[in-house]
Amino acid sequence: MKGFKFIGINDCGSTCCPHCGAEGRYIYTWSEDGKVRSAMAGCYKRLTGMIEKSDEDRYFELLSEKQAKGKELNGWDKKIISLVSAIESKKITFDWGWLKIRETLSQRKIYLSKKRY
């Protein structure tokens, strides 16, 4: 079993859900057991709600949703987007880039856990 991997969200303007055919705007794409699937937000949440997701996948879901809906990005978001871009353009190595992404996510998690108290 290859598990779950979040791929992204596309703002399609006006479209239909590939899963149920309902009209909407945002299409979520993910890989489940090696098979790429797509659906709108409601179907996505229903289809993936019981799947165990990594902290990274949950974060990238939130980040993609912020970007697709034009919401303001915080410093962690901007840093991670910059690191992903640098990895994709081969300005930094994949391993080093993901090490820095995981460090940033760890710092974010520590901050958010302290903020709650």
C-alpha atoms as a PDB file:
ATOM      1  CA  MET A   1       0.000   0.000   0.000  1.00  0.00           C
ATOM      2  CA  LYS A   2       1.421   3.354  -1.058  1.00  0.00           C
ATOM      3  CA  GLY A   3      -0.917   5.463   1.075  1.00  0.00           C
ATOM      4  CA  PHE A   4      -2.098   9.039   0.697  1.00  0.00           C
ATOM      5  CA  LYS A   5      -0.339  12.010  -0.911  1.00  0.00           C
ATOM      6  CA  PHE A   6      -1.975  15.419  -1.313  1.00  0.00           C
ATOM      7  CA  ILE A   7      -1.204  16.978  -4.728  1.00  0.00           C
ATOM      8  CA  GLY A   8      -3.045  20.291  -4.882  1.00  0.00           C
ATOM      9  CA  ILE A   9      -6.149  22.415  -5.431  1.00  0.00           C
ATOM     10  CA  ASN A  10      -7.078  24.015  -8.738  1.00  0.00           C
ATOM     11  CA  ASP A  11      -9.397  27.010  -9.046  1.00  0.00           C
ATOM     12  CA  CYS A  12     -11.379  26.067 -12.154  1.00  0.00           C
ATOM     13  CA  GLY A  13     -13.753  29.026 -12.046  1.00  0.00           C
ATOM     14  CA  SER A  14     -16.891  27.042 -12.812  1.00  0.00           C
ATOM     15  CA  THR A  15     -16.737  23.278 -13.257  1.00  0.00           C
ATOM     16  CA  CYS A  16     -18.248  19.971 -12.184  1.00  0.00           C
ATOM     17  CA  CYS A  17     -16.956  17.563  -9.563  1.00  0.00           C
ATOM     18  CA  PRO A  18     -15.172  14.632 -11.234  1.00  0.00           C
ATOM     19  CA  HIS A  19     -16.575  12.399  -8.483  1.00  0.00           C
ATOM     20  CA  CYS A  20     -20.275  13.299  -8.224  1.00  0.00           C
ATOM     21  CA  GLY A  21     -20.928  15.853 -10.980  1.00  0.00           C
ATOM     22  CA  ALA A  22     -22.002  18.707  -8.673  1.00  0.00           C
ATOM     23  CA  GLU A  23     -21.214  22.224  -9.859  1.00  0.00           C
ATOM     24  CA  GLY A  24     -18.486  24.165  -8.121  1.00  0.00           C
ATOM     25  CA  ARG A  25     -15.141  25.896  -8.400  1.00  0.00           C
ATOM     26  CA  TYR A  26     -12.250  24.155  -6.589  1.00  0.00           C
ATOM     27  CA  ILE A  27     -10.954  20.706  -7.546  1.00  0.00           C
ATOM     28  CA  TYR A  28      -8.781  18.821  -5.028  1.00  0.00           C
ATOM     29  CA  THR A  29      -6.281  16.299  -6.416  1.00  0.00           C
ATOM     30  CA  TRP A  30      -4.559  13.567  -4.429  1.00  0.00           C
ATOM     31  CA  SER A  31      -2.925  10.192  -4.831  1.00  0.00           C
ATOM     32  CA  GLU A  32      -4.321   7.233  -2.956  1.00  0.00           C
ATOM     33  CA  ASP A  33      -2.554   3.875  -3.162  1.00  0.00           C
ATOM     34  CA  GLY A  34      -0.725   5.108  -6.266  1.00  0.00           C
ATOM     35  CA  LYS A  35      -3.904   6.167  -8.122  1.00  0.00           C
ATOM     36  CA  VAL A  36      -4.489   9.893  -8.780  1.00  0.00           C
ATOM     37  CA  ARG A  37      -8.004  11.042  -7.890  1.00  0.00           C
ATOM     38  CA  SER A  38      -9.870  14.357  -8.008  1.00  0.00           C
ATOM     39  CA  ALA A  39     -13.008  15.756  -6.407  1.00  0.00           C
ATOM     40  CA  MET A  40     -14.534  18.976  -5.118  1.00  0.00           C
ATOM     41  CA  ALA A  41     -14.136  19.965  -1.460  1.00  0.00           C
ATOM     42  CA  GLY A  42     -17.168  18.121  -0.046  1.00  0.00           C
ATOM     43  CA  CYS A  43     -16.421  14.859  -1.843  1.00  0.00           C
ATOM     44  CA  TYR A  44     -12.708  15.212  -1.073  1.00  0.00           C
ATOM     45  CA  LYS A  45     -13.390  15.532   2.651  1.00  0.00           C
ATOM     46  CA  ARG A  46     -15.795  12.593   2.577  1.00  0.00           C
ATOM     47  CA  LEU A  47     -13.469  10.387   0.495  1.00  0.00           C
ATOM     48  CA  THR A  48     -10.290  11.196   2.448  1.00  0.00           C
ATOM     49  CA  GLY A  49     -11.683  11.978   5.887  1.00  0.00           C
ATOM     50  CA  MET A  50     -10.856   8.586   7.369  1.00  0.00           C
ATOM     51  CA  ILE A  51      -7.435   8.288   5.704  1.00  0.00           C
ATOM     52  CA  GLU A  52      -4.453   8.800   7.982  1.00  0.00           C
ATOM     53  CA  LYS A  53      -2.540  11.816   6.640  1.00  0.00           C
ATOM     54  CA  SER A  54       0.908  13.033   7.558  1.00  0.00           C
ATOM     55  CA  ASP A  55       1.393  16.448   9.142  1.00  0.00           C
ATOM     56  CA  GLU A  56       3.019  17.527   5.868  1.00  0.00           C
ATOM     57  CA  ASP A  57      -0.011  16.485   3.800  1.00  0.00           C
ATOM     58  CA  ARG A  58      -2.398  18.277   6.174  1.00  0.00           C
ATOM     59  CA  TYR A  59      -0.246  21.414   6.006  1.00  0.00           C
ATOM     60  CA  PHE A  60      -0.043  21.348   2.198  1.00  0.00           C
ATOM     61  CA  GLU A  61      -3.839  20.950   2.051  1.00  0.00           C
ATOM     62  CA  LEU A  62      -4.213  24.147   4.096  1.00  0.00           C
ATOM     63  CA  LEU A  63      -1.560  25.990   2.090  1.00  0.00           C
ATOM     64  CA  SER A  64      -3.107  25.013  -1.249  1.00  0.00           C
ATOM     65  CA  GLU A  65      -6.528  26.105  -0.051  1.00  0.00           C
ATOM     66  CA  LYS A  66      -5.141  29.496   1.053  1.00  0.00           C
ATOM     67  CA  GLN A  67      -3.449  29.975  -2.328  1.00  0.00           C
ATOM     68  CA  ALA A  68      -6.463  28.866  -4.385  1.00  0.00           C
ATOM     69  CA  LYS A  69      -8.797  31.185  -2.464  1.00  0.00           C
ATOM     70  CA  GLY A  70      -6.375  34.139  -2.477  1.00  0.00           C
ATOM     71  CA  LYS A  71      -6.019  34.272   1.318  1.00  0.00           C
ATOM     72  CA  GLU A  72      -3.091  36.039   2.954  1.00  0.00           C
ATOM     73  CA  LEU A  73      -0.024  33.872   3.511  1.00  0.00           C
ATOM     74  CA  ASN A  74       2.046  34.022   6.706  1.00  0.00           C
ATOM     75  CA  GLY A  75       5.845  33.846   6.977  1.00  0.00           C
ATOM     76  CA  TRP A  76       5.959  30.042   7.245  1.00  0.00           C
ATOM     77  CA  ASP A  77       3.796  29.695   4.136  1.00  0.00           C
ATOM     78  CA  LYS A  78       5.998  32.066   2.148  1.00  0.00           C
ATOM     79  CA  LYS A  79       9.191  30.314   3.275  1.00  0.00           C
ATOM     80  CA  ILE A  80       7.859  26.890   2.305  1.00  0.00           C
ATOM     81  CA  ILE A  81       6.625  28.146  -1.074  1.00  0.00           C
ATOM     82  CA  SER A  82      10.078  29.624  -1.672  1.00  0.00           C
ATOM     83  CA  LEU A  83      11.767  26.331  -0.739  1.00  0.00           C
ATOM     84  CA  VAL A  84       9.443  24.298  -2.993  1.00  0.00           C
ATOM     85  CA  SER A  85      10.131  26.715  -5.844  1.00  0.00           C
ATOM     86  CA  ALA A  86      13.890  26.438  -5.287  1.00  0.00           C
ATOM     87  CA  ILE A  87      13.653  22.633  -5.305  1.00  0.00           C
ATOM     88  CA  GLU A  88      11.607  22.654  -8.524  1.00  0.00           C
ATOM     89  CA  SER A  89      14.033  25.038 -10.249  1.00  0.00           C
ATOM     90  CA  LYS A  90      16.968  22.924  -8.978  1.00  0.00           C
ATOM     91  CA  LYS A  91      18.545  25.878  -7.145  1.00  0.00           C
ATOM     92  CA  ILE A  92      18.765  23.627  -4.081  1.00  0.00           C
ATOM     93  CA  THR A  93      18.838  19.849  -3.745  1.00  0.00           C
ATOM     94  CA  PHE A  94      15.655  17.935  -3.059  1.00  0.00           C
ATOM     95  CA  ASP A  95      16.993  16.438   0.194  1.00  0.00           C
ATOM     96  CA  TRP A  96      18.266  19.742   1.600  1.00  0.00           C
ATOM     97  CA  GLY A  97      15.069  21.549   0.581  1.00  0.00           C
ATOM     98  CA  TRP A  98      12.831  18.991   2.272  1.00  0.00           C
ATOM     99  CA  LEU A  99      15.030  19.088   5.366  1.00  0.00           C
ATOM    100  CA  LYS A 100      14.413  22.859   5.553  1.00  0.00           C
ATOM    101  CA  ILE A 101      10.677  22.430   4.848  1.00  0.00           C
ATOM    102  CA  ARG A 102      10.403  19.917   7.704  1.00  0.00           C
ATOM    103  CA  GLU A 103      12.359  22.260  10.023  1.00  0.00           C
ATOM    104  CA  THR A 104       9.964  25.088   9.162  1.00  0.00           C
ATOM    105  CA  LEU A 105       6.925  22.889   9.770  1.00  0.00           C
ATOM    106  CA  SER A 106       8.426  21.798  13.094  1.00  0.00           C
ATOM    107  CA  GLN A 107       8.933  25.433  14.156  1.00  0.00           C
ATOM    108  CA  ARG A 108       5.336  26.195  13.106  1.00  0.00           C
ATOM    109  CA  LYS A 109       4.020  23.246  15.125  1.00  0.00           C
ATOM    110  CA  ILE A 110       5.968  24.312  18.241  1.00  0.00           C
ATOM    111  CA  TYR A 111       4.710  27.891  17.920  1.00  0.00           C
ATOM    112  CA  LEU A 112       1.093  26.812  17.447  1.00  0.00           C
ATOM    113  CA  SER A 113       1.252  24.421  20.424  1.00  0.00           C
ATOM    114  CA  LYS A 114       2.597  27.203  22.676  1.00  0.00           C
ATOM    115  CA  LYS A 115       0.046  29.713  21.358  1.00  0.00           C
ATOM    116  CA  ARG A 116      -2.872  27.570  22.593  1.00  0.00           C
ATOM    117  CA  TYR A 117      -1.857  27.879  26.242  1.00  0.00           C
END
